[in-house]
Amino acid sequence: MSDDLQSLRQELLESERPIGEFEELLPETADDRIFGMTAVERMFVSIGCFLVTSLFGFVLLLLLGKIAL
């Protein structure tokens, strides 16, 4: 049994091909986009989310009577 496992292990080690450079395994990327947006577009989306959240919180506090104008 152990001879079978040893021979199988040896066959697998001999049949392995060497792995090339890490960069060869990475997919080709055309640009530096994340989520399909550039850095400036992501900045404007994050600023917009911040403003909408702030406005929603302010309106909610007004409606609940926690703050008054």
PDB file of N, CA and C in Angstrom:
ATOM      1  N   MET A   1       0.825  -1.186   0.000  1.00  0.00           N
ATOM      2  CA  MET A   1       0.000   0.000   0.000  1.00  0.00           C
ATOM      3  C   MET A   1       0.870   1.251   0.000  1.00  0.00           C
ATOM      4  N   SER A   2       1.859   1.298   0.871  1.00  0.00           N
ATOM      5  CA  SER A   2       2.709   2.487   0.934  1.00  0.00           C
ATOM      6  C   SER A   2       3.548   2.647  -0.326  1.00  0.00           C
ATOM      7  N   ASP A   3       3.928   1.511  -0.969  1.00  0.00           N
ATOM      8  CA  ASP A   3       4.664   1.602  -2.221  1.00  0.00           C
ATOM      9  C   ASP A   3       3.808   2.231  -3.306  1.00  0.00           C
ATOM     10  N   ASP A   4       2.517   1.924  -3.315  1.00  0.00           N
ATOM     11  CA  ASP A   4       1.601   2.504  -4.289  1.00  0.00           C
ATOM     12  C   ASP A   4       1.486   4.019  -4.086  1.00  0.00           C
ATOM     13  N   LEU A   5       1.351   4.417  -2.824  1.00  0.00           N
ATOM     14  CA  LEU A   5       1.247   5.841  -2.533  1.00  0.00           C
ATOM     15  C   LEU A   5       2.545   6.571  -2.869  1.00  0.00           C
ATOM     16  N   GLN A   6       3.653   5.960  -2.553  1.00  0.00           N
ATOM     17  CA  GLN A   6       4.944   6.579  -2.846  1.00  0.00           C
ATOM     18  C   GLN A   6       5.148   6.710  -4.350  1.00  0.00           C
ATOM     19  N   SER A   7       4.804   5.678  -5.108  1.00  0.00           N
ATOM     20  CA  SER A   7       4.966   5.758  -6.555  1.00  0.00           C
ATOM     21  C   SER A   7       4.024   6.794  -7.161  1.00  0.00           C
ATOM     22  N   LEU A   8       2.803   6.886  -6.646  1.00  0.00           N
ATOM     23  CA  LEU A   8       1.857   7.879  -7.126  1.00  0.00           C
ATOM     24  C   LEU A   8       2.362   9.288  -6.827  1.00  0.00           C
ATOM     25  N   ARG A   9       2.882   9.483  -5.626  1.00  0.00           N
ATOM     26  CA  ARG A   9       3.431  10.777  -5.250  1.00  0.00           C
ATOM     27  C   ARG A   9       4.613  11.149  -6.136  1.00  0.00           C
ATOM     28  N   GLN A  10       5.460  10.180  -6.416  1.00  0.00           N
ATOM     29  CA  GLN A  10       6.625  10.434  -7.261  1.00  0.00           C
ATOM     30  C   GLN A  10       6.203  10.782  -8.697  1.00  0.00           C
ATOM     31  N   GLU A  11       5.190  10.096  -9.216  1.00  0.00           N
ATOM     32  CA  GLU A  11       4.694  10.393 -10.559  1.00  0.00           C
ATOM     33  C   GLU A  11       4.137  11.803 -10.645  1.00  0.00           C
ATOM     34  N   LEU A  12       3.417  12.209  -9.611  1.00  0.00           N
ATOM     35  CA  LEU A  12       2.850  13.556  -9.615  1.00  0.00           C
ATOM     36  C   LEU A  12       3.938  14.617  -9.536  1.00  0.00           C
ATOM     37  N   LEU A  13       4.950  14.367  -8.728  1.00  0.00           N
ATOM     38  CA  LEU A  13       6.041  15.327  -8.624  1.00  0.00           C
ATOM     39  C   LEU A  13       6.809  15.448  -9.931  1.00  0.00           C
ATOM     40  N   GLU A  14       6.981  14.361 -10.624  1.00  0.00           N
ATOM     41  CA  GLU A  14       7.709  14.394 -11.884  1.00  0.00           C
ATOM     42  C   GLU A  14       6.898  15.057 -12.995  1.00  0.00           C
ATOM     43  N   SER A  15       5.580  14.922 -12.929  1.00  0.00           N
ATOM     44  CA  SER A  15       4.756  15.467 -13.998  1.00  0.00           C
ATOM     45  C   SER A  15       4.429  16.944 -13.811  1.00  0.00           C
ATOM     46  N   GLU A  16       4.738  17.491 -12.639  1.00  0.00           N
ATOM     47  CA  GLU A  16       4.447  18.910 -12.409  1.00  0.00           C
ATOM     48  C   GLU A  16       5.353  19.770 -13.271  1.00  0.00           C
ATOM     49  N   ARG A  17       4.741  20.790 -13.847  1.00  0.00           N
ATOM     50  CA  ARG A  17       5.543  21.732 -14.615  1.00  0.00           C
ATOM     51  C   ARG A  17       5.867  22.917 -13.708  1.00  0.00           C
ATOM     52  N   PRO A  18       6.969  23.555 -13.890  1.00  0.00           N
ATOM     53  CA  PRO A  18       7.315  24.688 -13.024  1.00  0.00           C
ATOM     54  C   PRO A  18       6.370  25.865 -13.275  1.00  0.00           C
ATOM     55  N   ILE A  19       6.039  26.532 -12.218  1.00  0.00           N
ATOM     56  CA  ILE A  19       5.154  27.687 -12.307  1.00  0.00           C
ATOM     57  C   ILE A  19       5.993  28.891 -12.699  1.00  0.00           C
ATOM     58  N   GLY A  20       5.463  29.667 -13.625  1.00  0.00           N
ATOM     59  CA  GLY A  20       6.182  30.846 -14.109  1.00  0.00           C
ATOM     60  C   GLY A  20       6.095  31.990 -13.124  1.00  0.00           C
ATOM     61  N   GLU A  21       6.359  33.160 -13.611  1.00  0.00           N
ATOM     62  CA  GLU A  21       6.311  34.349 -12.778  1.00  0.00           C
ATOM     63  C   GLU A  21       4.881  34.624 -12.322  1.00  0.00           C
ATOM     64  N   PHE A  22       4.764  35.279 -11.187  1.00  0.00           N
ATOM     65  CA  PHE A  22       3.457  35.599 -10.627  1.00  0.00           C
ATOM     66  C   PHE A  22       2.662  36.496 -11.566  1.00  0.00           C
ATOM     67  N   GLU A  23       3.324  37.428 -12.231  1.00  0.00           N
ATOM     68  CA  GLU A  23       2.656  38.362 -13.127  1.00  0.00           C
ATOM     69  C   GLU A  23       2.035  37.651 -14.333  1.00  0.00           C
ATOM     70  N   GLU A  24       2.590  36.521 -14.725  1.00  0.00           N
ATOM     71  CA  GLU A  24       2.037  35.783 -15.857  1.00  0.00           C
ATOM     72  C   GLU A  24       0.686  35.172 -15.519  1.00  0.00           C
ATOM     73  N   LEU A  25       0.439  34.891 -14.252  1.00  0.00           N
ATOM     74  CA  LEU A  25      -0.812  34.266 -13.835  1.00  0.00           C
ATOM     75  C   LEU A  25      -1.942  35.277 -13.666  1.00  0.00           C
ATOM     76  N   LEU A  26      -1.595  36.564 -13.536  1.00  0.00           N
ATOM     77  CA  LEU A  26      -2.617  37.584 -13.350  1.00  0.00           C
ATOM     78  C   LEU A  26      -3.316  37.886 -14.665  1.00  0.00           C
ATOM     79  N   PRO A  27      -4.623  38.160 -14.613  1.00  0.00           N
ATOM     80  CA  PRO A  27      -5.320  38.536 -15.847  1.00  0.00           C
ATOM     81  C   PRO A  27      -4.873  39.925 -16.305  1.00  0.00           C
ATOM     82  N   GLU A  28      -4.940  40.139 -17.592  1.00  0.00           N
ATOM     83  CA  GLU A  28      -4.554  41.433 -18.146  1.00  0.00           C
ATOM     84  C   GLU A  28      -5.609  42.470 -17.792  1.00  0.00           C
ATOM     85  N   THR A  29      -5.188  43.608 -17.267  1.00  0.00           N
ATOM     86  CA  THR A  29      -6.100  44.703 -16.972  1.00  0.00           C
ATOM     87  C   THR A  29      -5.731  45.880 -17.842  1.00  0.00           C
ATOM     88  N   ALA A  30      -6.742  46.509 -18.389  1.00  0.00           N
ATOM     89  CA  ALA A  30      -6.508  47.607 -19.309  1.00  0.00           C
ATOM     90  C   ALA A  30      -6.238  48.918 -18.574  1.00  0.00           C
ATOM     91  N   ASP A  31      -6.853  49.116 -17.419  1.00  0.00           N
ATOM     92  CA  ASP A  31      -6.674  50.363 -16.685  1.00  0.00           C
ATOM     93  C   ASP A  31      -6.820  50.117 -15.191  1.00  0.00           C
ATOM     94  N   ASP A  32      -6.786  51.191 -14.438  1.00  0.00           N
ATOM     95  CA  ASP A  32      -6.828  51.087 -12.973  1.00  0.00           C
ATOM     96  C   ASP A  32      -8.238  51.306 -12.438  1.00  0.00           C
ATOM     97  N   ARG A  33      -9.231  50.756 -13.076  1.00  0.00           N
ATOM     98  CA  ARG A  33     -10.614  50.956 -12.646  1.00  0.00           C
ATOM     99  C   ARG A  33     -11.024  49.890 -11.636  1.00  0.00           C
ATOM    100  N   ILE A  34     -11.738  50.334 -10.614  1.00  0.00           N
ATOM    101  CA  ILE A  34     -12.335  49.442  -9.632  1.00  0.00           C
ATOM    102  C   ILE A  34     -13.832  49.690  -9.702  1.00  0.00           C
ATOM    103  N   PHE A  35     -14.622  48.644  -9.783  1.00  0.00           N
ATOM    104  CA  PHE A  35     -16.067  48.732  -9.946  1.00  0.00           C
ATOM    105  C   PHE A  35     -16.433  49.487 -11.218  1.00  0.00           C
ATOM    106  N   GLY A  36     -15.547  49.516 -12.193  1.00  0.00           N
ATOM    107  CA  GLY A  36     -15.826  50.179 -13.455  1.00  0.00           C
ATOM    108  C   GLY A  36     -15.740  51.689 -13.398  1.00  0.00           C
ATOM    109  N   MET A  37     -15.178  52.231 -12.319  1.00  0.00           N
ATOM    110  CA  MET A  37     -15.090  53.683 -12.168  1.00  0.00           C
ATOM    111  C   MET A  37     -13.649  54.103 -11.935  1.00  0.00           C
ATOM    112  N   THR A  38     -13.355  55.315 -12.336  1.00  0.00           N
ATOM    113  CA  THR A  38     -12.034  55.870 -12.051  1.00  0.00           C
ATOM    114  C   THR A  38     -12.015  56.381 -10.612  1.00  0.00           C
ATOM    115  N   ALA A  39     -10.865  56.819 -10.161  1.00  0.00           N
ATOM    116  CA  ALA A  39     -10.735  57.303  -8.784  1.00  0.00           C
ATOM    117  C   ALA A  39     -11.595  58.542  -8.551  1.00  0.00           C
ATOM    118  N   VAL A  40     -11.663  59.429  -9.528  1.00  0.00           N
ATOM    119  CA  VAL A  40     -12.456  60.653  -9.371  1.00  0.00           C
ATOM    120  C   VAL A  40     -13.941  60.315  -9.304  1.00  0.00           C
ATOM    121  N   GLU A  41     -14.389  59.394 -10.133  1.00  0.00           N
ATOM    122  CA  GLU A  41     -15.797  58.983 -10.091  1.00  0.00           C
ATOM    123  C   GLU A  41     -16.153  58.362  -8.748  1.00  0.00           C
ATOM    124  N   ARG A  42     -15.270  57.518  -8.216  1.00  0.00           N
ATOM    125  CA  ARG A  42     -15.514  56.917  -6.896  1.00  0.00           C
ATOM    126  C   ARG A  42     -15.561  57.972  -5.810  1.00  0.00           C
ATOM    127  N   MET A  43     -14.732  59.024  -5.933  1.00  0.00           N
ATOM    128  CA  MET A  43     -14.732  60.097  -4.950  1.00  0.00           C
ATOM    129  C   MET A  43     -16.077  60.819  -4.955  1.00  0.00           C
ATOM    130  N   PHE A  44     -16.601  61.129  -6.138  1.00  0.00           N
ATOM    131  CA  PHE A  44     -17.882  61.822  -6.211  1.00  0.00           C
ATOM    132  C   PHE A  44     -19.023  60.948  -5.706  1.00  0.00           C
ATOM    133  N   VAL A  45     -18.975  59.665  -5.953  1.00  0.00           N
ATOM    134  CA  VAL A  45     -20.001  58.758  -5.432  1.00  0.00           C
ATOM    135  C   VAL A  45     -19.940  58.718  -3.909  1.00  0.00           C
ATOM    136  N   SER A  46     -18.750  58.659  -3.341  1.00  0.00           N
ATOM    137  CA  SER A  46     -18.639  58.619  -1.880  1.00  0.00           C
ATOM    138  C   SER A  46     -19.081  59.939  -1.253  1.00  0.00           C
ATOM    139  N   ILE A  47     -18.767  61.073  -1.886  1.00  0.00           N
ATOM    140  CA  ILE A  47     -19.235  62.367  -1.371  1.00  0.00           C
ATOM    141  C   ILE A  47     -20.756  62.435  -1.452  1.00  0.00           C
ATOM    142  N   GLY A  48     -21.323  61.953  -2.556  1.00  0.00           N
ATOM    143  CA  GLY A  48     -22.775  61.942  -2.696  1.00  0.00           C
ATOM    144  C   GLY A  48     -23.443  61.077  -1.647  1.00  0.00           C
ATOM    145  N   CYS A  49     -22.880  59.896  -1.381  1.00  0.00           N
ATOM    146  CA  CYS A  49     -23.436  59.021  -0.333  1.00  0.00           C
ATOM    147  C   CYS A  49     -23.373  59.684   1.035  1.00  0.00           C
ATOM    148  N   PHE A  50     -22.280  60.377   1.308  1.00  0.00           N
ATOM    149  CA  PHE A  50     -22.138  61.078   2.585  1.00  0.00           C
ATOM    150  C   PHE A  50     -23.195  62.166   2.721  1.00  0.00           C
ATOM    151  N   LEU A  51     -23.407  62.963   1.655  1.00  0.00           N
ATOM    152  CA  LEU A  51     -24.388  64.045   1.718  1.00  0.00           C
ATOM    153  C   LEU A  51     -25.809  63.517   1.855  1.00  0.00           C
ATOM    154  N   VAL A  52     -26.147  62.470   1.127  1.00  0.00           N
ATOM    155  CA  VAL A  52     -27.492  61.895   1.214  1.00  0.00           C
ATOM    156  C   VAL A  52     -27.732  61.327   2.611  1.00  0.00           C
ATOM    157  N   THR A  53     -26.743  60.648   3.171  1.00  0.00           N
ATOM    158  CA  THR A  53     -26.887  60.093   4.523  1.00  0.00           C
ATOM    159  C   THR A  53     -27.031  61.194   5.560  1.00  0.00           C
ATOM    160  N   SER A  54     -26.247  62.258   5.421  1.00  0.00           N
ATOM    161  CA  SER A  54     -26.333  63.379   6.360  1.00  0.00           C
ATOM    162  C   SER A  54     -27.693  64.059   6.273  1.00  0.00           C
ATOM    163  N   LEU A  55     -28.181  64.285   5.053  1.00  0.00           N
ATOM    164  CA  LEU A  55     -29.476  64.923   4.869  1.00  0.00           C
ATOM    165  C   LEU A  55     -30.592  64.045   5.422  1.00  0.00           C
ATOM    166  N   PHE A  56     -30.536  62.753   5.162  1.00  0.00           N
ATOM    167  CA  PHE A  56     -31.548  61.831   5.674  1.00  0.00           C
ATOM    168  C   PHE A  56     -31.547  61.835   7.204  1.00  0.00           C
ATOM    169  N   GLY A  57     -30.388  61.822   7.821  1.00  0.00           N
ATOM    170  CA  GLY A  57     -30.308  61.857   9.276  1.00  0.00           C
ATOM    171  C   GLY A  57     -30.862  63.144   9.850  1.00  0.00           C
ATOM    172  N   PHE A  58     -30.554  64.265   9.194  1.00  0.00           N
ATOM    173  CA  PHE A  58     -31.056  65.564   9.654  1.00  0.00           C
ATOM    174  C   PHE A  58     -32.580  65.611   9.573  1.00  0.00           C
ATOM    175  N   VAL A  59     -33.139  65.158   8.445  1.00  0.00           N
ATOM    176  CA  VAL A  59     -34.597  65.160   8.278  1.00  0.00           C
ATOM    177  C   VAL A  59     -35.245  64.214   9.288  1.00  0.00           C
ATOM    178  N   LEU A  60     -34.644  63.073   9.522  1.00  0.00           N
ATOM    179  CA  LEU A  60     -35.196  62.131  10.494  1.00  0.00           C
ATOM    180  C   LEU A  60     -35.205  62.730  11.895  1.00  0.00           C
ATOM    181  N   LEU A  61     -34.132  63.421  12.274  1.00  0.00           N
ATOM    182  CA  LEU A  61     -34.096  64.070  13.589  1.00  0.00           C
ATOM    183  C   LEU A  61     -35.149  65.167  13.691  1.00  0.00           C
ATOM    184  N   LEU A  62     -35.373  65.908  12.597  1.00  0.00           N
ATOM    185  CA  LEU A  62     -36.423  66.933  12.601  1.00  0.00           C
ATOM    186  C   LEU A  62     -37.798  66.303  12.772  1.00  0.00           C
ATOM    187  N   LEU A  63     -38.056  65.222  12.037  1.00  0.00           N
ATOM    188  CA  LEU A  63     -39.375  64.595  12.116  1.00  0.00           C
ATOM    189  C   LEU A  63     -39.632  63.979  13.490  1.00  0.00           C
ATOM    190  N   LEU A  64     -38.635  63.452  14.135  1.00  0.00           N
ATOM    191  CA  LEU A  64     -38.799  62.851  15.455  1.00  0.00           C
ATOM    192  C   LEU A  64     -38.830  63.888  16.581  1.00  0.00           C
ATOM    193  N   GLY A  65     -38.554  65.129  16.245  1.00  0.00           N
ATOM    194  CA  GLY A  65     -38.592  66.188  17.239  1.00  0.00           C
ATOM    195  C   GLY A  65     -37.384  66.226  18.147  1.00  0.00           C
ATOM    196  N   LYS A  66     -36.321  65.577  17.764  1.00  0.00           N
ATOM    197  CA  LYS A  66     -35.104  65.557  18.594  1.00  0.00           C
ATOM    198  C   LYS A  66     -34.338  66.868  18.486  1.00  0.00           C
ATOM    199  N   ILE A  67     -34.514  67.572  17.357  1.00  0.00           N
ATOM    200  CA  ILE A  67     -33.908  68.888  17.166  1.00  0.00           C
ATOM    201  C   ILE A  67     -34.983  69.826  16.657  1.00  0.00           C
ATOM    202  N   ALA A  68     -34.792  71.100  16.855  1.00  0.00           N
ATOM    203  CA  ALA A  68     -35.760  72.093  16.390  1.00  0.00           C
ATOM    204  C   ALA A  68     -34.997  73.188  15.652  1.00  0.00           C
ATOM    205  N   LEU A  69     -35.685  73.797  14.726  1.00  0.00           N
ATOM    206  CA  LEU A  69     -35.028  74.877  13.967  1.00  0.00           C
ATOM    207  C   LEU A  69     -35.177  76.192  14.654  1.00  0.00           C
TER     208      LEU A  69
END
